[in-house]
């Protein structure tokens, strides 16, 4: 019975990995959102003025401390969630947030990945031959690019093959 369980876990693991598209370090370093490197967005550490300087969006900013320190930025075209901020005891402020989620919400923002520019509303064929994941409950498929604990998900409808969501997520 134990061997059967191990075999089942191995098959599921291989199946999930074969449905993702692994990125090399070079490919990852060249990811851009609206011509801004992902590393620059990560480098803001959730600092409001730094993020505002990168994007010309008018962000609504919310923050909180439950269950940990977090800061959320939202505009009509994108959403960013920074979490795990660090309390600076001497200055009585929170800094060094980690970007855990970034969502492109409309076609005014682009994603540059693997030498291709992609936006909401594009046909998924712009990505070429990539591995996909199917969600029969919603009628959507996803293309998932990953490196380590970070993923870029591009969701699209199976009826029209139109991209409906572009999202970055960090799993910690």
N, C-alpha and C. Protein backbone atom coordinates (compact mmCIF):
# COMPACT_ATOMS: atom_id res chain seq x y z
N UNK A 1 0.81 -1.18 0.00
CA UNK A 1 0.00 0.00 0.00
C UNK A 1 0.87 1.26 0.00
N UNK A 2 1.95 1.23 0.78
CA UNK A 2 2.84 2.38 0.86
C UNK A 2 3.50 2.63 -0.49
N UNK A 3 3.89 1.57 -1.20
CA UNK A 3 4.50 1.72 -2.53
C UNK A 3 3.51 2.33 -3.51
N UNK A 4 2.25 1.93 -3.44
CA UNK A 4 1.22 2.47 -4.31
C UNK A 4 1.06 3.97 -4.07
N UNK A 5 1.06 4.37 -2.81
CA UNK A 5 0.94 5.79 -2.46
C UNK A 5 2.12 6.58 -3.01
N UNK A 6 3.33 6.07 -2.88
CA UNK A 6 4.53 6.75 -3.39
C UNK A 6 4.47 6.86 -4.91
N UNK A 7 4.05 5.82 -5.57
CA UNK A 7 3.92 5.85 -7.03
C UNK A 7 2.88 6.89 -7.46
N UNK A 8 1.75 6.93 -6.76
CA UNK A 8 0.70 7.89 -7.07
C UNK A 8 1.21 9.33 -6.91
N UNK A 9 1.89 9.62 -5.82
CA UNK A 9 2.44 10.96 -5.58
C UNK A 9 3.46 11.30 -6.67
N UNK A 10 4.30 10.37 -7.05
CA UNK A 10 5.29 10.60 -8.10
C UNK A 10 4.62 10.92 -9.43
N UNK A 11 3.59 10.19 -9.79
CA UNK A 11 2.88 10.42 -11.05
C UNK A 11 2.23 11.80 -11.04
N UNK A 12 1.59 12.18 -9.94
CA UNK A 12 0.95 13.49 -9.84
C UNK A 12 2.00 14.59 -9.95
N UNK A 13 3.11 14.40 -9.29
CA UNK A 13 4.19 15.38 -9.31
C UNK A 13 4.73 15.58 -10.72
N UNK A 14 4.99 14.49 -11.40
CA UNK A 14 5.51 14.55 -12.78
C UNK A 14 4.47 15.19 -13.69
N UNK A 15 3.22 14.83 -13.50
CA UNK A 15 2.14 15.38 -14.33
C UNK A 15 2.05 16.89 -14.17
N UNK A 16 2.10 17.40 -12.94
CA UNK A 16 2.01 18.84 -12.70
C UNK A 16 3.22 19.56 -13.27
N UNK A 17 4.40 18.99 -13.08
CA UNK A 17 5.61 19.62 -13.62
C UNK A 17 5.62 19.63 -15.13
N UNK A 18 5.06 18.62 -15.77
CA UNK A 18 5.06 18.58 -17.23
C UNK A 18 4.05 19.55 -17.81
N UNK A 19 3.13 20.06 -16.99
CA UNK A 19 2.15 21.02 -17.46
C UNK A 19 2.65 22.46 -17.32
N UNK A 20 3.77 22.67 -16.66
CA UNK A 20 4.32 24.01 -16.52
C UNK A 20 5.45 24.20 -17.53
N UNK A 21 5.83 25.44 -17.70
CA UNK A 21 6.92 25.81 -18.60
C UNK A 21 8.00 26.44 -17.74
N UNK A 22 9.10 25.72 -17.54
CA UNK A 22 10.17 26.19 -16.67
C UNK A 22 10.96 27.28 -17.36
N UNK A 23 11.29 28.32 -16.59
CA UNK A 23 12.08 29.42 -17.09
C UNK A 23 13.53 29.26 -16.67
N UNK A 24 14.44 29.68 -17.53
CA UNK A 24 15.84 29.76 -17.14
C UNK A 24 16.04 31.06 -16.37
N UNK A 25 17.16 31.19 -15.70
CA UNK A 25 17.46 32.42 -14.97
C UNK A 25 17.49 33.61 -15.93
N UNK A 26 18.04 33.41 -17.12
CA UNK A 26 18.09 34.49 -18.12
C UNK A 26 16.68 34.91 -18.55
N UNK A 27 15.82 33.95 -18.82
CA UNK A 27 14.44 34.27 -19.21
C UNK A 27 13.72 35.02 -18.09
N UNK A 28 13.93 34.57 -16.86
CA UNK A 28 13.29 35.20 -15.71
C UNK A 28 13.77 36.64 -15.55
N UNK A 29 15.07 36.87 -15.68
CA UNK A 29 15.64 38.21 -15.51
C UNK A 29 15.12 39.20 -16.55
N UNK A 30 14.61 38.70 -17.65
CA UNK A 30 14.14 39.58 -18.72
C UNK A 30 12.63 39.76 -18.77
N UNK A 31 11.91 39.27 -17.75
CA UNK A 31 10.46 39.48 -17.69
C UNK A 31 10.20 40.96 -17.41
N UNK A 32 9.29 41.53 -18.21
CA UNK A 32 8.92 42.94 -18.02
C UNK A 32 7.41 43.06 -17.98
N UNK A 33 6.96 44.00 -17.19
CA UNK A 33 5.55 44.37 -17.17
C UNK A 33 5.51 45.85 -17.54
N UNK A 34 4.87 46.13 -18.67
CA UNK A 34 4.81 47.48 -19.21
C UNK A 34 6.21 48.08 -19.34
N UNK A 35 7.14 47.29 -19.89
CA UNK A 35 8.53 47.69 -20.12
C UNK A 35 9.31 47.95 -18.83
N UNK A 36 8.83 47.46 -17.71
CA UNK A 36 9.52 47.59 -16.43
C UNK A 36 9.91 46.19 -15.99
N UNK A 37 11.19 45.99 -15.75
CA UNK A 37 11.65 44.67 -15.33
C UNK A 37 10.96 44.24 -14.04
N UNK A 38 10.59 42.97 -13.98
CA UNK A 38 9.98 42.40 -12.78
C UNK A 38 10.91 42.62 -11.58
N UNK A 39 12.21 42.50 -11.78
CA UNK A 39 13.16 42.69 -10.68
C UNK A 39 13.08 44.12 -10.12
N UNK A 40 12.79 45.11 -10.96
CA UNK A 40 12.63 46.48 -10.47
C UNK A 40 11.37 46.62 -9.62
N UNK A 41 10.31 45.93 -10.03
CA UNK A 41 9.06 45.96 -9.26
C UNK A 41 9.29 45.29 -7.91
N UNK A 42 9.95 44.13 -7.94
CA UNK A 42 10.28 43.42 -6.69
C UNK A 42 11.15 44.30 -5.80
N UNK A 43 12.07 45.03 -6.43
CA UNK A 43 13.03 45.87 -5.70
C UNK A 43 12.42 47.04 -4.97
N UNK A 44 11.17 47.40 -5.29
CA UNK A 44 10.54 48.51 -4.57
C UNK A 44 10.26 48.15 -3.12
N UNK A 45 10.18 46.86 -2.83
CA UNK A 45 9.89 46.42 -1.46
C UNK A 45 8.57 46.94 -0.94
N UNK A 46 7.66 47.29 -1.86
CA UNK A 46 6.36 47.79 -1.45
C UNK A 46 6.35 49.27 -1.10
N UNK A 47 7.44 49.98 -1.39
CA UNK A 47 7.50 51.42 -1.14
C UNK A 47 6.57 52.14 -2.12
N UNK A 48 5.63 52.90 -1.58
CA UNK A 48 4.59 53.53 -2.38
C UNK A 48 5.14 54.47 -3.44
N UNK A 49 6.07 55.34 -3.07
CA UNK A 49 6.59 56.30 -4.05
C UNK A 49 7.43 55.60 -5.12
N UNK A 50 8.17 54.57 -4.74
CA UNK A 50 8.96 53.83 -5.73
C UNK A 50 8.07 53.13 -6.75
N UNK A 51 7.00 52.51 -6.28
CA UNK A 51 6.08 51.82 -7.20
C UNK A 51 5.35 52.84 -8.07
N UNK A 52 4.97 53.97 -7.48
CA UNK A 52 4.29 55.03 -8.24
C UNK A 52 5.21 55.59 -9.32
N UNK A 53 6.51 55.69 -9.02
CA UNK A 53 7.47 56.19 -10.02
C UNK A 53 7.63 55.23 -11.19
N UNK A 54 7.47 53.93 -10.94
CA UNK A 54 7.60 52.96 -12.03
C UNK A 54 6.39 52.98 -12.96
N UNK A 55 5.21 53.12 -12.38
CA UNK A 55 3.96 53.08 -13.15
C UNK A 55 3.26 54.42 -13.03
N UNK A 56 2.60 54.82 -14.08
CA UNK A 56 1.88 56.10 -14.05
C UNK A 56 0.44 55.92 -13.58
N UNK A 57 0.15 54.82 -12.94
CA UNK A 57 -1.20 54.53 -12.47
C UNK A 57 -1.52 55.33 -11.20
N UNK A 58 -2.79 55.62 -11.02
CA UNK A 58 -3.26 56.20 -9.77
C UNK A 58 -3.71 55.04 -8.88
N UNK A 59 -2.84 54.65 -7.96
CA UNK A 59 -3.12 53.51 -7.11
C UNK A 59 -3.94 53.89 -5.89
N UNK A 60 -4.88 53.03 -5.55
CA UNK A 60 -5.50 53.05 -4.24
C UNK A 60 -4.64 52.14 -3.38
N UNK A 61 -4.23 52.64 -2.23
CA UNK A 61 -3.31 51.88 -1.38
C UNK A 61 -3.99 51.53 -0.07
N UNK A 62 -3.94 50.26 0.27
CA UNK A 62 -4.44 49.78 1.56
C UNK A 62 -3.32 49.00 2.22
N UNK A 63 -3.31 48.99 3.54
CA UNK A 63 -2.32 48.18 4.26
C UNK A 63 -2.92 47.66 5.55
N UNK A 64 -2.26 46.67 6.10
CA UNK A 64 -2.74 46.06 7.33
C UNK A 64 -1.66 45.25 8.00
N UNK A 65 -2.02 44.66 9.13
CA UNK A 65 -1.03 43.88 9.88
C UNK A 65 -1.57 42.54 10.35
N UNK A 66 -2.64 42.09 9.74
CA UNK A 66 -3.19 40.77 10.08
C UNK A 66 -3.26 39.89 8.86
N UNK A 67 -2.71 38.75 8.81
CA UNK A 67 -1.95 38.06 9.84
C UNK A 67 -0.52 38.56 9.95
N UNK A 68 -0.02 39.27 8.93
CA UNK A 68 1.29 39.89 8.96
C UNK A 68 1.18 41.23 8.24
N UNK A 69 2.24 41.98 8.19
CA UNK A 69 2.20 43.28 7.52
C UNK A 69 2.05 43.08 6.02
N UNK A 70 1.10 43.79 5.42
CA UNK A 70 0.85 43.70 3.99
C UNK A 70 0.48 45.08 3.46
N UNK A 71 0.66 45.25 2.14
CA UNK A 71 0.32 46.49 1.46
C UNK A 71 -0.23 46.12 0.09
N UNK A 72 -1.36 46.72 -0.25
CA UNK A 72 -2.05 46.39 -1.51
C UNK A 72 -2.18 47.66 -2.35
N UNK A 73 -1.82 47.55 -3.63
CA UNK A 73 -1.94 48.66 -4.57
C UNK A 73 -2.92 48.23 -5.66
N UNK A 74 -3.88 49.09 -5.97
CA UNK A 74 -4.83 48.73 -7.02
C UNK A 74 -5.16 49.95 -7.87
N UNK A 75 -5.17 49.73 -9.19
CA UNK A 75 -5.61 50.74 -10.14
C UNK A 75 -6.59 50.06 -11.09
N UNK A 76 -7.06 50.80 -12.06
CA UNK A 76 -8.00 50.19 -13.00
C UNK A 76 -7.33 49.13 -13.87
N UNK A 77 -6.00 49.19 -14.00
CA UNK A 77 -5.32 48.26 -14.91
C UNK A 77 -4.46 47.20 -14.23
N UNK A 78 -4.17 47.37 -12.93
CA UNK A 78 -3.34 46.36 -12.27
C UNK A 78 -3.57 46.32 -10.76
N UNK A 79 -3.10 45.23 -10.18
CA UNK A 79 -3.22 44.97 -8.75
C UNK A 79 -1.89 44.40 -8.28
N UNK A 80 -1.39 44.89 -7.15
CA UNK A 80 -0.16 44.36 -6.55
C UNK A 80 -0.40 44.13 -5.06
N UNK A 81 0.05 42.99 -4.58
CA UNK A 81 -0.01 42.69 -3.16
C UNK A 81 1.40 42.39 -2.66
N UNK A 82 1.84 43.18 -1.70
CA UNK A 82 3.12 42.97 -1.04
C UNK A 82 2.83 42.48 0.37
N UNK A 83 3.55 41.47 0.82
CA UNK A 83 3.33 40.90 2.15
C UNK A 83 4.64 40.75 2.89
N UNK A 84 4.52 40.32 4.14
CA UNK A 84 5.66 39.99 5.00
C UNK A 84 6.58 41.18 5.23
N UNK A 85 5.98 42.37 5.42
CA UNK A 85 6.77 43.55 5.73
C UNK A 85 7.49 43.39 7.06
N UNK A 86 8.57 44.12 7.20
CA UNK A 86 9.40 44.04 8.41
C UNK A 86 9.25 45.34 9.19
N UNK A 87 8.90 45.23 10.47
CA UNK A 87 8.73 46.39 11.35
C UNK A 87 10.10 46.93 11.73
N UNK A 88 10.34 48.22 11.43
CA UNK A 88 11.57 48.91 11.83
C UNK A 88 11.31 49.56 13.19
N UNK A 89 11.90 49.01 14.23
CA UNK A 89 11.63 49.46 15.59
C UNK A 89 12.10 50.89 15.84
N UNK A 90 13.17 51.32 15.17
CA UNK A 90 13.73 52.64 15.42
C UNK A 90 12.94 53.74 14.73
N UNK A 91 12.43 53.46 13.53
CA UNK A 91 11.69 54.47 12.77
C UNK A 91 10.18 54.29 12.89
N UNK A 92 9.76 53.23 13.53
CA UNK A 92 8.34 52.92 13.72
C UNK A 92 7.57 52.85 12.40
N UNK A 93 8.19 52.21 11.40
CA UNK A 93 7.48 51.97 10.14
C UNK A 93 7.79 50.57 9.63
N UNK A 94 7.06 50.17 8.61
CA UNK A 94 7.22 48.83 8.04
C UNK A 94 7.86 48.97 6.66
N UNK A 95 8.86 48.14 6.40
CA UNK A 95 9.58 48.18 5.12
C UNK A 95 9.82 46.76 4.62
N UNK A 96 10.47 46.67 3.48
CA UNK A 96 10.92 45.39 2.91
C UNK A 96 9.82 44.38 2.71
N UNK A 97 8.73 44.82 2.11
CA UNK A 97 7.65 43.90 1.76
C UNK A 97 8.10 43.03 0.58
N UNK A 98 7.51 41.87 0.46
CA UNK A 98 7.78 40.94 -0.64
C UNK A 98 6.57 40.94 -1.58
N UNK A 99 6.80 41.18 -2.86
CA UNK A 99 5.71 41.09 -3.83
C UNK A 99 5.25 39.64 -3.90
N UNK A 100 3.98 39.40 -3.58
CA UNK A 100 3.46 38.03 -3.64
C UNK A 100 2.43 37.85 -4.75
N UNK A 101 1.86 38.96 -5.25
CA UNK A 101 0.88 38.84 -6.33
C UNK A 101 0.84 40.12 -7.13
N UNK A 102 0.85 39.98 -8.45
CA UNK A 102 0.67 41.10 -9.35
C UNK A 102 -0.26 40.61 -10.45
N UNK A 103 -1.31 41.36 -10.69
CA UNK A 103 -2.30 40.97 -11.69
C UNK A 103 -2.49 42.10 -12.69
N UNK A 104 -2.39 41.77 -13.96
CA UNK A 104 -2.73 42.71 -15.02
C UNK A 104 -4.21 42.51 -15.31
N UNK A 105 -4.97 43.62 -15.23
CA UNK A 105 -6.42 43.51 -15.28
C UNK A 105 -7.04 43.88 -16.62
N UNK A 106 -6.30 44.58 -17.48
CA UNK A 106 -6.87 44.95 -18.78
C UNK A 106 -5.78 45.03 -19.84
N UNK A 107 -6.17 45.42 -21.05
CA UNK A 107 -5.22 45.38 -22.18
C UNK A 107 -4.31 46.61 -22.25
N UNK A 108 -4.33 47.48 -21.25
CA UNK A 108 -3.45 48.64 -21.27
C UNK A 108 -2.03 48.32 -20.77
N UNK A 109 -1.85 47.16 -20.18
CA UNK A 109 -0.53 46.73 -19.69
C UNK A 109 -0.11 45.47 -20.45
N UNK A 110 1.20 45.36 -20.66
CA UNK A 110 1.73 44.20 -21.38
C UNK A 110 2.69 43.41 -20.51
N UNK A 111 2.86 42.16 -20.88
CA UNK A 111 3.85 41.28 -20.26
C UNK A 111 4.84 40.90 -21.36
N UNK A 112 6.13 41.07 -21.07
CA UNK A 112 7.17 40.63 -21.98
C UNK A 112 7.80 39.39 -21.36
N UNK A 113 7.67 38.25 -22.04
CA UNK A 113 8.21 36.99 -21.52
C UNK A 113 8.68 36.15 -22.70
N UNK A 114 9.85 35.58 -22.58
CA UNK A 114 10.43 34.73 -23.63
C UNK A 114 10.49 35.43 -24.98
N UNK A 115 10.78 36.71 -24.97
CA UNK A 115 10.90 37.47 -26.22
C UNK A 115 9.57 37.83 -26.85
N UNK A 116 8.47 37.60 -26.16
CA UNK A 116 7.13 37.87 -26.70
C UNK A 116 6.40 38.90 -25.85
N UNK A 117 5.59 39.72 -26.49
CA UNK A 117 4.74 40.67 -25.78
C UNK A 117 3.32 40.14 -25.79
N UNK A 118 2.72 40.06 -24.59
CA UNK A 118 1.39 39.48 -24.42
C UNK A 118 0.54 40.46 -23.63
N UNK A 119 -0.75 40.53 -23.96
CA UNK A 119 -1.67 41.36 -23.18
C UNK A 119 -3.04 40.69 -23.14
N UNK A 120 -3.87 41.16 -22.21
CA UNK A 120 -5.25 40.68 -22.09
C UNK A 120 -5.94 40.92 -23.43
N UNK A 121 -6.70 39.93 -23.89
CA UNK A 121 -7.42 40.05 -25.16
C UNK A 121 -6.70 39.42 -26.34
N UNK A 122 -5.38 39.18 -26.19
CA UNK A 122 -4.63 38.51 -27.26
C UNK A 122 -5.08 37.06 -27.39
N UNK A 123 -4.85 36.49 -28.55
CA UNK A 123 -5.07 35.07 -28.74
C UNK A 123 -3.89 34.34 -28.12
N UNK A 124 -4.15 33.25 -27.43
CA UNK A 124 -3.09 32.50 -26.74
C UNK A 124 -2.02 32.00 -27.70
N UNK A 125 -2.34 31.93 -28.98
CA UNK A 125 -1.37 31.45 -29.97
C UNK A 125 -0.13 32.34 -30.05
N UNK A 126 -0.19 33.57 -29.51
CA UNK A 126 0.99 34.43 -29.53
C UNK A 126 2.14 33.82 -28.74
N UNK A 127 1.82 32.89 -27.82
CA UNK A 127 2.86 32.24 -27.03
C UNK A 127 3.52 31.06 -27.74
N UNK A 128 2.97 30.66 -28.87
CA UNK A 128 3.54 29.52 -29.58
C UNK A 128 3.19 28.21 -28.92
N UNK A 129 4.07 27.24 -29.05
CA UNK A 129 3.85 25.90 -28.53
C UNK A 129 4.31 25.82 -27.07
N UNK A 130 3.35 25.90 -26.14
CA UNK A 130 3.66 25.84 -24.71
C UNK A 130 2.77 24.82 -24.03
N UNK A 131 3.21 24.33 -22.89
CA UNK A 131 2.39 23.41 -22.09
C UNK A 131 1.25 24.18 -21.44
N UNK A 132 0.10 23.54 -21.34
CA UNK A 132 -1.07 24.17 -20.73
C UNK A 132 -1.64 23.31 -19.63
N UNK A 133 -2.41 23.95 -18.75
CA UNK A 133 -3.14 23.26 -17.69
C UNK A 133 -4.62 23.54 -17.93
N UNK A 134 -5.45 22.53 -17.75
CA UNK A 134 -6.88 22.65 -18.04
C UNK A 134 -7.68 22.72 -16.75
N UNK A 135 -8.69 23.61 -16.71
CA UNK A 135 -9.62 23.67 -15.60
C UNK A 135 -11.03 23.48 -16.16
N UNK A 136 -11.49 22.22 -16.24
CA UNK A 136 -12.79 21.96 -16.86
C UNK A 136 -13.96 22.61 -16.12
N UNK A 137 -13.81 22.90 -14.85
CA UNK A 137 -14.90 23.51 -14.08
C UNK A 137 -15.20 24.93 -14.57
N UNK A 138 -14.16 25.66 -14.99
CA UNK A 138 -14.35 27.04 -15.42
C UNK A 138 -14.30 27.22 -16.93
N UNK A 139 -13.88 26.19 -17.65
CA UNK A 139 -13.73 26.32 -19.09
C UNK A 139 -12.50 27.12 -19.47
N UNK A 140 -11.58 27.28 -18.53
CA UNK A 140 -10.36 28.03 -18.80
C UNK A 140 -9.15 27.10 -18.80
N UNK A 141 -8.17 27.53 -19.53
CA UNK A 141 -6.87 26.88 -19.50
C UNK A 141 -5.85 27.91 -19.05
N UNK A 142 -4.72 27.43 -18.58
CA UNK A 142 -3.65 28.30 -18.13
C UNK A 142 -2.34 27.86 -18.74
N UNK A 143 -1.52 28.83 -19.03
CA UNK A 143 -0.13 28.59 -19.36
C UNK A 143 0.64 29.08 -18.14
N UNK A 144 1.45 28.21 -17.57
CA UNK A 144 2.18 28.56 -16.35
C UNK A 144 3.67 28.51 -16.63
N UNK A 145 4.32 29.65 -16.43
CA UNK A 145 5.78 29.73 -16.50
C UNK A 145 6.27 29.79 -15.07
N UNK A 146 7.32 29.04 -14.75
CA UNK A 146 7.78 29.06 -13.36
C UNK A 146 9.29 28.96 -13.26
N UNK A 147 9.76 29.53 -12.16
CA UNK A 147 11.14 29.35 -11.73
C UNK A 147 11.08 29.34 -10.20
N UNK A 148 11.47 28.24 -9.62
CA UNK A 148 11.41 28.11 -8.16
C UNK A 148 10.01 28.29 -7.64
N UNK A 149 9.85 29.22 -6.69
CA UNK A 149 8.55 29.48 -6.06
C UNK A 149 7.77 30.60 -6.74
N UNK A 150 8.22 31.03 -7.90
CA UNK A 150 7.55 32.13 -8.60
C UNK A 150 6.93 31.60 -9.89
N UNK A 151 5.72 32.08 -10.17
CA UNK A 151 5.03 31.67 -11.40
C UNK A 151 4.42 32.87 -12.09
N UNK A 152 4.33 32.77 -13.39
CA UNK A 152 3.54 33.69 -14.21
C UNK A 152 2.45 32.82 -14.81
N UNK A 153 1.19 33.18 -14.53
CA UNK A 153 0.05 32.45 -15.08
C UNK A 153 -0.65 33.30 -16.13
N UNK A 154 -0.93 32.69 -17.24
CA UNK A 154 -1.69 33.35 -18.29
C UNK A 154 -2.91 32.47 -18.55
N UNK A 155 -4.08 32.98 -18.14
CA UNK A 155 -5.33 32.23 -18.30
C UNK A 155 -6.02 32.65 -19.58
N UNK A 156 -6.71 31.69 -20.21
CA UNK A 156 -7.45 32.00 -21.43
C UNK A 156 -8.67 31.11 -21.52
N UNK A 157 -9.68 31.58 -22.26
CA UNK A 157 -10.90 30.79 -22.44
C UNK A 157 -10.67 29.77 -23.53
N UNK A 158 -11.26 28.61 -23.37
CA UNK A 158 -11.09 27.55 -24.38
C UNK A 158 -11.99 27.78 -25.59
N UNK A 159 -13.04 28.56 -25.44
CA UNK A 159 -13.96 28.80 -26.55
C UNK A 159 -13.33 29.71 -27.59
N UNK A 160 -12.72 30.82 -27.13
CA UNK A 160 -12.17 31.81 -28.07
C UNK A 160 -10.64 31.85 -28.08
N UNK A 161 -10.01 31.14 -27.15
CA UNK A 161 -8.55 31.18 -26.98
C UNK A 161 -8.04 32.58 -26.65
N UNK A 162 -8.89 33.39 -26.02
CA UNK A 162 -8.55 34.76 -25.67
C UNK A 162 -7.97 34.81 -24.25
N UNK A 163 -6.85 35.52 -24.10
CA UNK A 163 -6.22 35.68 -22.79
C UNK A 163 -7.11 36.56 -21.91
N UNK A 164 -7.41 36.05 -20.71
CA UNK A 164 -8.31 36.76 -19.79
C UNK A 164 -7.61 37.27 -18.53
N UNK A 165 -6.44 36.71 -18.21
CA UNK A 165 -5.75 37.11 -16.98
C UNK A 165 -4.26 36.85 -17.13
N UNK A 166 -3.47 37.80 -16.66
CA UNK A 166 -2.02 37.64 -16.58
C UNK A 166 -1.64 37.94 -15.14
N UNK A 167 -0.94 37.00 -14.50
CA UNK A 167 -0.71 37.12 -13.07
C UNK A 167 0.66 36.57 -12.69
N UNK A 168 1.35 37.30 -11.79
CA UNK A 168 2.60 36.86 -11.17
C UNK A 168 2.25 36.43 -9.75
N UNK A 169 2.82 35.33 -9.29
CA UNK A 169 2.60 34.92 -7.91
C UNK A 169 3.87 34.30 -7.34
N UNK A 170 4.16 34.69 -6.11
CA UNK A 170 5.28 34.13 -5.35
C UNK A 170 4.71 33.33 -4.20
N UNK A 171 5.11 32.07 -4.12
CA UNK A 171 4.66 31.20 -3.04
C UNK A 171 5.77 31.08 -2.02
N UNK A 172 5.48 31.53 -0.79
CA UNK A 172 6.52 31.43 0.24
C UNK A 172 6.12 30.44 1.29
